[in-house]
Amino acid sequence: MDNIDIDRIIEMCWEDRTPFEAIEYQFGLKEEDAIKIMRQNLKPKSFKVWRKRVSGRNTKHMLLKDSTRFKSTHKRKL
């Protein structure tokens, strides 16, 4: 995986409205793999802040969201 893909995964992980299922669909990474990438590429404090922010968050999981839309028209085409 190149740096551009890693940067995009990190960006998608930080986005509140982007579910982990969208990351899996686009990059083939499960939630646990996305978490590993975040742990490896963020400073420890930033990782803790991110984990606290997304833990238990409905919008990070498609099954818990009201909407089925997960992709901005300005993002990479799937």
PDB file of N, CA and C in Angstrom:
ATOM      1  N   MET A   1       0.853  -1.175   0.000  1.00  0.00           N
ATOM      2  CA  MET A   1       0.000   0.000   0.000  1.00  0.00           C
ATOM      3  C   MET A   1       0.900   1.240   0.000  1.00  0.00           C
ATOM      4  N   ASP A   2       0.632   2.168  -0.893  1.00  0.00           N
ATOM      5  CA  ASP A   2       1.491   3.345  -0.996  1.00  0.00           C
ATOM      6  C   ASP A   2       1.036   4.457  -0.040  1.00  0.00           C
ATOM      7  N   ASN A   3       1.852   5.488   0.059  1.00  0.00           N
ATOM      8  CA  ASN A   3       1.579   6.590   0.990  1.00  0.00           C
ATOM      9  C   ASN A   3       0.282   7.322   0.676  1.00  0.00           C
ATOM     10  N   ILE A   4      -0.066   7.412  -0.596  1.00  0.00           N
ATOM     11  CA  ILE A   4      -1.311   8.091  -0.979  1.00  0.00           C
ATOM     12  C   ILE A   4      -2.510   7.332  -0.422  1.00  0.00           C
ATOM     13  N   ASP A   5      -2.489   5.997  -0.545  1.00  0.00           N
ATOM     14  CA  ASP A   5      -3.581   5.183  -0.003  1.00  0.00           C
ATOM     15  C   ASP A   5      -3.648   5.292   1.519  1.00  0.00           C
ATOM     16  N   ILE A   6      -2.497   5.249   2.168  1.00  0.00           N
ATOM     17  CA  ILE A   6      -2.466   5.367   3.632  1.00  0.00           C
ATOM     18  C   ILE A   6      -3.011   6.721   4.065  1.00  0.00           C
ATOM     19  N   ASP A   7      -2.611   7.787   3.382  1.00  0.00           N
ATOM     20  CA  ASP A   7      -3.128   9.122   3.700  1.00  0.00           C
ATOM     21  C   ASP A   7      -4.643   9.176   3.546  1.00  0.00           C
ATOM     22  N   ARG A   8      -5.154   8.564   2.482  1.00  0.00           N
ATOM     23  CA  ARG A   8      -6.605   8.565   2.249  1.00  0.00           C
ATOM     24  C   ARG A   8      -7.333   7.750   3.314  1.00  0.00           C
ATOM     25  N   ILE A   9      -6.769   6.624   3.713  1.00  0.00           N
ATOM     26  CA  ILE A   9      -7.381   5.803   4.769  1.00  0.00           C
ATOM     27  C   ILE A   9      -7.437   6.589   6.069  1.00  0.00           C
ATOM     28  N   ILE A  10      -6.348   7.266   6.416  1.00  0.00           N
ATOM     29  CA  ILE A  10      -6.316   8.078   7.636  1.00  0.00           C
ATOM     30  C   ILE A  10      -7.362   9.183   7.553  1.00  0.00           C
ATOM     31  N   GLU A  11      -7.452   9.827   6.409  1.00  0.00           N
ATOM     32  CA  GLU A  11      -8.453  10.882   6.222  1.00  0.00           C
ATOM     33  C   GLU A  11      -9.864  10.329   6.404  1.00  0.00           C
ATOM     34  N   MET A  12     -10.133   9.177   5.804  1.00  0.00           N
ATOM     35  CA  MET A  12     -11.461   8.574   5.916  1.00  0.00           C
ATOM     36  C   MET A  12     -11.761   8.154   7.354  1.00  0.00           C
ATOM     37  N   CYS A  13     -10.755   7.681   8.064  1.00  0.00           N
ATOM     38  CA  CYS A  13     -10.954   7.294   9.468  1.00  0.00           C
ATOM     39  C   CYS A  13     -11.320   8.503  10.324  1.00  0.00           C
ATOM     40  N   TRP A  14     -10.725   9.645  10.052  1.00  0.00           N
ATOM     41  CA  TRP A  14     -11.013  10.851  10.825  1.00  0.00           C
ATOM     42  C   TRP A  14     -12.379  11.439  10.490  1.00  0.00           C
ATOM     43  N   GLU A  15     -12.873  11.188   9.282  1.00  0.00           N
ATOM     44  CA  GLU A  15     -14.165  11.752   8.881  1.00  0.00           C
ATOM     45  C   GLU A  15     -15.290  11.112   9.687  1.00  0.00           C
ATOM     46  N   ASP A  16     -16.132  11.934  10.278  1.00  0.00           N
ATOM     47  CA  ASP A  16     -17.224  11.420  11.105  1.00  0.00           C
ATOM     48  C   ASP A  16     -18.245  10.628  10.305  1.00  0.00           C
ATOM     49  N   ARG A  17     -18.511  11.042   9.095  1.00  0.00           N
ATOM     50  CA  ARG A  17     -19.596  10.426   8.326  1.00  0.00           C
ATOM     51  C   ARG A  17     -19.151   9.251   7.469  1.00  0.00           C
ATOM     52  N   THR A  18     -17.864   8.942   7.446  1.00  0.00           N
ATOM     53  CA  THR A  18     -17.374   7.825   6.639  1.00  0.00           C
ATOM     54  C   THR A  18     -17.309   6.567   7.494  1.00  0.00           C
ATOM     55  N   PRO A  19     -18.132   5.572   7.188  1.00  0.00           N
ATOM     56  CA  PRO A  19     -18.123   4.339   7.988  1.00  0.00           C
ATOM     57  C   PRO A  19     -16.932   3.446   7.632  1.00  0.00           C
ATOM     58  N   PHE A  20     -16.585   2.569   8.558  1.00  0.00           N
ATOM     59  CA  PHE A  20     -15.497   1.628   8.307  1.00  0.00           C
ATOM     60  C   PHE A  20     -15.819   0.720   7.118  1.00  0.00           C
ATOM     61  N   GLU A  21     -17.088   0.480   6.873  1.00  0.00           N
ATOM     62  CA  GLU A  21     -17.477  -0.355   5.734  1.00  0.00           C
ATOM     63  C   GLU A  21     -17.071   0.280   4.406  1.00  0.00           C
ATOM     64  N   ALA A  22     -17.065   1.612   4.342  1.00  0.00           N
ATOM     65  CA  ALA A  22     -16.623   2.303   3.126  1.00  0.00           C
ATOM     66  C   ALA A  22     -15.127   2.094   2.909  1.00  0.00           C
ATOM     67  N   ILE A  23     -14.370   2.098   3.991  1.00  0.00           N
ATOM     68  CA  ILE A  23     -12.926   1.848   3.904  1.00  0.00           C
ATOM     69  C   ILE A  23     -12.687   0.411   3.452  1.00  0.00           C
ATOM     70  N   GLU A  24     -13.467  -0.510   3.994  1.00  0.00           N
ATOM     71  CA  GLU A  24     -13.335  -1.911   3.587  1.00  0.00           C
ATOM     72  C   GLU A  24     -13.690  -2.080   2.110  1.00  0.00           C
ATOM     73  N   TYR A  25     -14.748  -1.427   1.678  1.00  0.00           N
ATOM     74  CA  TYR A  25     -15.190  -1.522   0.287  1.00  0.00           C
ATOM     75  C   TYR A  25     -14.136  -0.965  -0.669  1.00  0.00           C
ATOM     76  N   GLN A  26     -13.559   0.172  -0.313  1.00  0.00           N
ATOM     77  CA  GLN A  26     -12.628   0.846  -1.215  1.00  0.00           C
ATOM     78  C   GLN A  26     -11.220   0.259  -1.169  1.00  0.00           C
ATOM     79  N   PHE A  27     -10.767  -0.158   0.030  1.00  0.00           N
ATOM     80  CA  PHE A  27      -9.379  -0.597   0.182  1.00  0.00           C
ATOM     81  C   PHE A  27      -9.234  -2.062   0.598  1.00  0.00           C
ATOM     82  N   GLY A  28     -10.350  -2.729   0.911  1.00  0.00           N
ATOM     83  CA  GLY A  28     -10.282  -4.124   1.327  1.00  0.00           C
ATOM     84  C   GLY A  28      -9.759  -4.312   2.738  1.00  0.00           C
ATOM     85  N   LEU A  29      -9.863  -3.275   3.570  1.00  0.00           N
ATOM     86  CA  LEU A  29      -9.369  -3.336   4.948  1.00  0.00           C
ATOM     87  C   LEU A  29     -10.529  -3.446   5.926  1.00  0.00           C
ATOM     88  N   LYS A  30     -10.441  -4.391   6.828  1.00  0.00           N
ATOM     89  CA  LYS A  30     -11.425  -4.508   7.902  1.00  0.00           C
ATOM     90  C   LYS A  30     -11.174  -3.379   8.906  1.00  0.00           C
ATOM     91  N   GLU A  31     -12.138  -3.176   9.808  1.00  0.00           N
ATOM     92  CA  GLU A  31     -12.004  -2.127  10.822  1.00  0.00           C
ATOM     93  C   GLU A  31     -10.714  -2.295  11.621  1.00  0.00           C
ATOM     94  N   GLU A  32     -10.395  -3.536  11.997  1.00  0.00           N
ATOM     95  CA  GLU A  32      -9.179  -3.786  12.787  1.00  0.00           C
ATOM     96  C   GLU A  32      -7.922  -3.363  12.029  1.00  0.00           C
ATOM     97  N   ASP A  33      -7.915  -3.583  10.709  1.00  0.00           N
ATOM     98  CA  ASP A  33      -6.767  -3.189   9.891  1.00  0.00           C
ATOM     99  C   ASP A  33      -6.644  -1.669   9.802  1.00  0.00           C
ATOM    100  N   ALA A  34      -7.783  -0.994   9.688  1.00  0.00           N
ATOM    101  CA  ALA A  34      -7.770   0.473   9.662  1.00  0.00           C
ATOM    102  C   ALA A  34      -7.249   1.014  10.993  1.00  0.00           C
ATOM    103  N   ILE A  35      -7.645   0.382  12.087  1.00  0.00           N
ATOM    104  CA  ILE A  35      -7.164   0.796  13.410  1.00  0.00           C
ATOM    105  C   ILE A  35      -5.653   0.604  13.500  1.00  0.00           C
ATOM    106  N   LYS A  36      -5.140  -0.502  12.972  1.00  0.00           N
ATOM    107  CA  LYS A  36      -3.690  -0.743  12.983  1.00  0.00           C
ATOM    108  C   LYS A  36      -2.952   0.337  12.195  1.00  0.00           C
ATOM    109  N   ILE A  37      -3.493   0.702  11.038  1.00  0.00           N
ATOM    110  CA  ILE A  37      -2.868   1.758  10.231  1.00  0.00           C
ATOM    111  C   ILE A  37      -2.854   3.071  11.004  1.00  0.00           C
ATOM    112  N   MET A  38      -3.958   3.377  11.663  1.00  0.00           N
ATOM    113  CA  MET A  38      -4.015   4.603  12.463  1.00  0.00           C
ATOM    114  C   MET A  38      -2.980   4.551  13.588  1.00  0.00           C
ATOM    115  N   ARG A  39      -2.882   3.417  14.271  1.00  0.00           N
ATOM    116  CA  ARG A  39      -1.927   3.274  15.377  1.00  0.00           C
ATOM    117  C   ARG A  39      -0.489   3.453  14.883  1.00  0.00           C
ATOM    118  N   GLN A  40      -0.181   2.909  13.710  1.00  0.00           N
ATOM    119  CA  GLN A  40       1.180   2.968  13.165  1.00  0.00           C
ATOM    120  C   GLN A  40       1.557   4.346  12.630  1.00  0.00           C
ATOM    121  N   ASN A  41       0.573   5.131  12.217  1.00  0.00           N
ATOM    122  CA  ASN A  41       0.875   6.380  11.517  1.00  0.00           C
ATOM    123  C   ASN A  41       0.551   7.650  12.291  1.00  0.00           C
ATOM    124  N   LEU A  42      -0.125   7.530  13.416  1.00  0.00           N
ATOM    125  CA  LEU A  42      -0.430   8.707  14.229  1.00  0.00           C
ATOM    126  C   LEU A  42       0.475   8.743  15.453  1.00  0.00           C
ATOM    127  N   LYS A  43       0.659   9.920  15.998  1.00  0.00           N
ATOM    128  CA  LYS A  43       1.336  10.038  17.285  1.00  0.00           C
ATOM    129  C   LYS A  43       0.452   9.361  18.329  1.00  0.00           C
ATOM    130  N   PRO A  44       1.048   8.827  19.405  1.00  0.00           N
ATOM    131  CA  PRO A  44       0.244   8.121  20.421  1.00  0.00           C
ATOM    132  C   PRO A  44      -0.929   8.942  20.956  1.00  0.00           C
ATOM    133  N   LYS A  45      -0.717  10.209  21.231  1.00  0.00           N
ATOM    134  CA  LYS A  45      -1.796  11.063  21.749  1.00  0.00           C
ATOM    135  C   LYS A  45      -2.900  11.242  20.705  1.00  0.00           C
ATOM    136  N   SER A  46      -2.510  11.452  19.451  1.00  0.00           N
ATOM    137  CA  SER A  46      -3.498  11.605  18.376  1.00  0.00           C
ATOM    138  C   SER A  46      -4.310  10.330  18.201  1.00  0.00           C
ATOM    139  N   PHE A  47      -3.651   9.183  18.309  1.00  0.00           N
ATOM    140  CA  PHE A  47      -4.363   7.917  18.195  1.00  0.00           C
ATOM    141  C   PHE A  47      -5.386   7.774  19.319  1.00  0.00           C
ATOM    142  N   LYS A  48      -5.002   8.111  20.539  1.00  0.00           N
ATOM    143  CA  LYS A  48      -5.932   8.020  21.675  1.00  0.00           C
ATOM    144  C   LYS A  48      -7.129   8.947  21.486  1.00  0.00           C
ATOM    145  N   VAL A  49      -6.875  10.146  21.011  1.00  0.00           N
ATOM    146  CA  VAL A  49      -7.959  11.104  20.754  1.00  0.00           C
ATOM    147  C   VAL A  49      -8.897  10.543  19.692  1.00  0.00           C
ATOM    148  N   TRP A  50      -8.338   9.993  18.632  1.00  0.00           N
ATOM    149  CA  TRP A  50      -9.160   9.420  17.559  1.00  0.00           C
ATOM    150  C   TRP A  50      -9.977   8.232  18.057  1.00  0.00           C
ATOM    151  N   ARG A  51      -9.352   7.322  18.809  1.00  0.00           N
ATOM    152  CA  ARG A  51     -10.071   6.143  19.310  1.00  0.00           C
ATOM    153  C   ARG A  51     -11.214   6.551  20.229  1.00  0.00           C
ATOM    154  N   LYS A  52     -10.966   7.534  21.079  1.00  0.00           N
ATOM    155  CA  LYS A  52     -12.027   8.013  21.966  1.00  0.00           C
ATOM    156  C   LYS A  52     -13.165   8.610  21.144  1.00  0.00           C
ATOM    157  N   ARG A  53     -12.804   9.317  20.095  1.00  0.00           N
ATOM    158  CA  ARG A  53     -13.793   9.985  19.244  1.00  0.00           C
ATOM    159  C   ARG A  53     -14.675   8.993  18.489  1.00  0.00           C
ATOM    160  N   VAL A  54     -14.095   7.914  17.968  1.00  0.00           N
ATOM    161  CA  VAL A  54     -14.872   6.987  17.136  1.00  0.00           C
ATOM    162  C   VAL A  54     -15.462   5.803  17.893  1.00  0.00           C
ATOM    163  N   SER A  55     -15.016   5.558  19.102  1.00  0.00           N
ATOM    164  CA  SER A  55     -15.534   4.413  19.860  1.00  0.00           C
ATOM    165  C   SER A  55     -17.016   4.593  20.146  1.00  0.00           C
ATOM    166  N   GLY A  56     -17.793   3.620  19.732  1.00  0.00           N
ATOM    167  CA  GLY A  56     -19.228   3.647  19.972  1.00  0.00           C
ATOM    168  C   GLY A  56     -19.988   4.639  19.122  1.00  0.00           C
ATOM    169  N   ARG A  57     -19.354   5.178  18.116  1.00  0.00           N
ATOM    170  CA  ARG A  57     -19.984   6.196  17.270  1.00  0.00           C
ATOM    171  C   ARG A  57     -20.836   5.529  16.191  1.00  0.00           C
ATOM    172  N   ASN A  58     -22.119   5.848  16.152  1.00  0.00           N
ATOM    173  CA  ASN A  58     -23.032   5.240  15.187  1.00  0.00           C
ATOM    174  C   ASN A  58     -22.647   5.513  13.744  1.00  0.00           C
ATOM    175  N   THR A  59     -22.124   6.694  13.474  1.00  0.00           N
ATOM    176  CA  THR A  59     -21.851   7.065  12.087  1.00  0.00           C
ATOM    177  C   THR A  59     -20.661   6.320  11.496  1.00  0.00           C
ATOM    178  N   LYS A  60     -19.861   5.646  12.304  1.00  0.00           N
ATOM    179  CA  LYS A  60     -18.717   4.910  11.785  1.00  0.00           C
ATOM    180  C   LYS A  60     -19.083   3.485  11.389  1.00  0.00           C
ATOM    181  N   HIS A  61     -20.354   3.123  11.521  1.00  0.00           N
ATOM    182  CA  HIS A  61     -20.803   1.775  11.172  1.00  0.00           C
ATOM    183  C   HIS A  61     -22.086   1.873  10.362  1.00  0.00           C
ATOM    184  N   MET A  62     -22.079   1.348   9.150  1.00  0.00           N
ATOM    185  CA  MET A  62     -23.223   1.462   8.236  1.00  0.00           C
ATOM    186  C   MET A  62     -24.503   0.897   8.840  1.00  0.00           C
ATOM    187  N   LEU A  63     -24.424  -0.225   9.537  1.00  0.00           N
ATOM    188  CA  LEU A  63     -25.627  -0.855  10.073  1.00  0.00           C
ATOM    189  C   LEU A  63     -26.302   0.002  11.139  1.00  0.00           C
ATOM    190  N   LEU A  64     -25.567   0.894  11.754  1.00  0.00           N
ATOM    191  CA  LEU A  64     -26.109   1.745  12.809  1.00  0.00           C
ATOM    192  C   LEU A  64     -26.526   3.116  12.293  1.00  0.00           C
ATOM    193  N   LYS A  65     -26.204   3.421  11.029  1.00  0.00           N
ATOM    194  CA  LYS A  65     -26.535   4.724  10.452  1.00  0.00           C
ATOM    195  C   LYS A  65     -27.940   4.719   9.881  1.00  0.00           C
ATOM    196  N   ASP A  66     -28.543   5.898   9.823  1.00  0.00           N
ATOM    197  CA  ASP A  66     -29.841   6.051   9.179  1.00  0.00           C
ATOM    198  C   ASP A  66     -29.695   6.072   7.660  1.00  0.00           C
ATOM    199  N   SER A  67     -28.609   6.610   7.180  1.00  0.00           N
ATOM    200  CA  SER A  67     -28.396   6.805   5.750  1.00  0.00           C
ATOM    201  C   SER A  67     -27.574   5.662   5.158  1.00  0.00           C
ATOM    202  N   THR A  68     -27.799   5.377   3.888  1.00  0.00           N
ATOM    203  CA  THR A  68     -26.990   4.372   3.209  1.00  0.00           C
ATOM    204  C   THR A  68     -25.875   5.009   2.387  1.00  0.00           C
ATOM    205  N   ARG A  69     -25.854   6.328   2.308  1.00  0.00           N
ATOM    206  CA  ARG A  69     -24.836   7.034   1.535  1.00  0.00           C
ATOM    207  C   ARG A  69     -23.540   7.076   2.328  1.00  0.00           C
ATOM    208  N   PHE A  70     -22.423   6.716   1.694  1.00  0.00           N
ATOM    209  CA  PHE A  70     -21.152   6.775   2.395  1.00  0.00           C
ATOM    210  C   PHE A  70     -20.052   7.448   1.599  1.00  0.00           C
ATOM    211  N   LYS A  71     -20.349   7.947   0.420  1.00  0.00           N
ATOM    212  CA  LYS A  71     -19.290   8.455  -0.428  1.00  0.00           C
ATOM    213  C   LYS A  71     -19.621   9.840  -0.960  1.00  0.00           C
ATOM    214  N   SER A  72     -18.696  10.747  -0.784  1.00  0.00           N
ATOM    215  CA  SER A  72     -18.830  12.076  -1.349  1.00  0.00           C
ATOM    216  C   SER A  72     -18.573  12.005  -2.851  1.00  0.00           C
ATOM    217  N   THR A  73     -19.228  12.848  -3.593  1.00  0.00           N
ATOM    218  CA  THR A  73     -19.001  12.880  -5.041  1.00  0.00           C
ATOM    219  C   THR A  73     -17.625  13.446  -5.375  1.00  0.00           C
ATOM    220  N   HIS A  74     -16.959  14.073  -4.404  1.00  0.00           N
ATOM    221  CA  HIS A  74     -15.645  14.667  -4.629  1.00  0.00           C
ATOM    222  C   HIS A  74     -14.509  13.716  -4.300  1.00  0.00           C
ATOM    223  N   LYS A  75     -14.813  12.562  -3.765  1.00  0.00           N
ATOM    224  CA  LYS A  75     -13.781  11.604  -3.375  1.00  0.00           C
ATOM    225  C   LYS A  75     -13.475  10.661  -4.529  1.00  0.00           C
ATOM    226  N   ARG A  76     -12.488   9.816  -4.314  1.00  0.00           N
ATOM    227  CA  ARG A  76     -12.056   8.870  -5.338  1.00  0.00           C
ATOM    228  C   ARG A  76     -13.221   8.010  -5.829  1.00  0.00           C
ATOM    229  N   LYS A  77     -13.267   7.805  -7.127  1.00  0.00           N
ATOM    230  CA  LYS A  77     -14.317   6.972  -7.715  1.00  0.00           C
ATOM    231  C   LYS A  77     -14.080   5.522  -7.331  1.00  0.00           C
ATOM    232  N   LEU A  78     -15.162   4.828  -6.991  1.00  0.00           N
ATOM    233  CA  LEU A  78     -15.047   3.408  -6.630  1.00  0.00           C
ATOM    234  C   LEU A  78     -15.217   2.533  -7.835  1.00  0.00           C
TER     235      LEU A  78
END
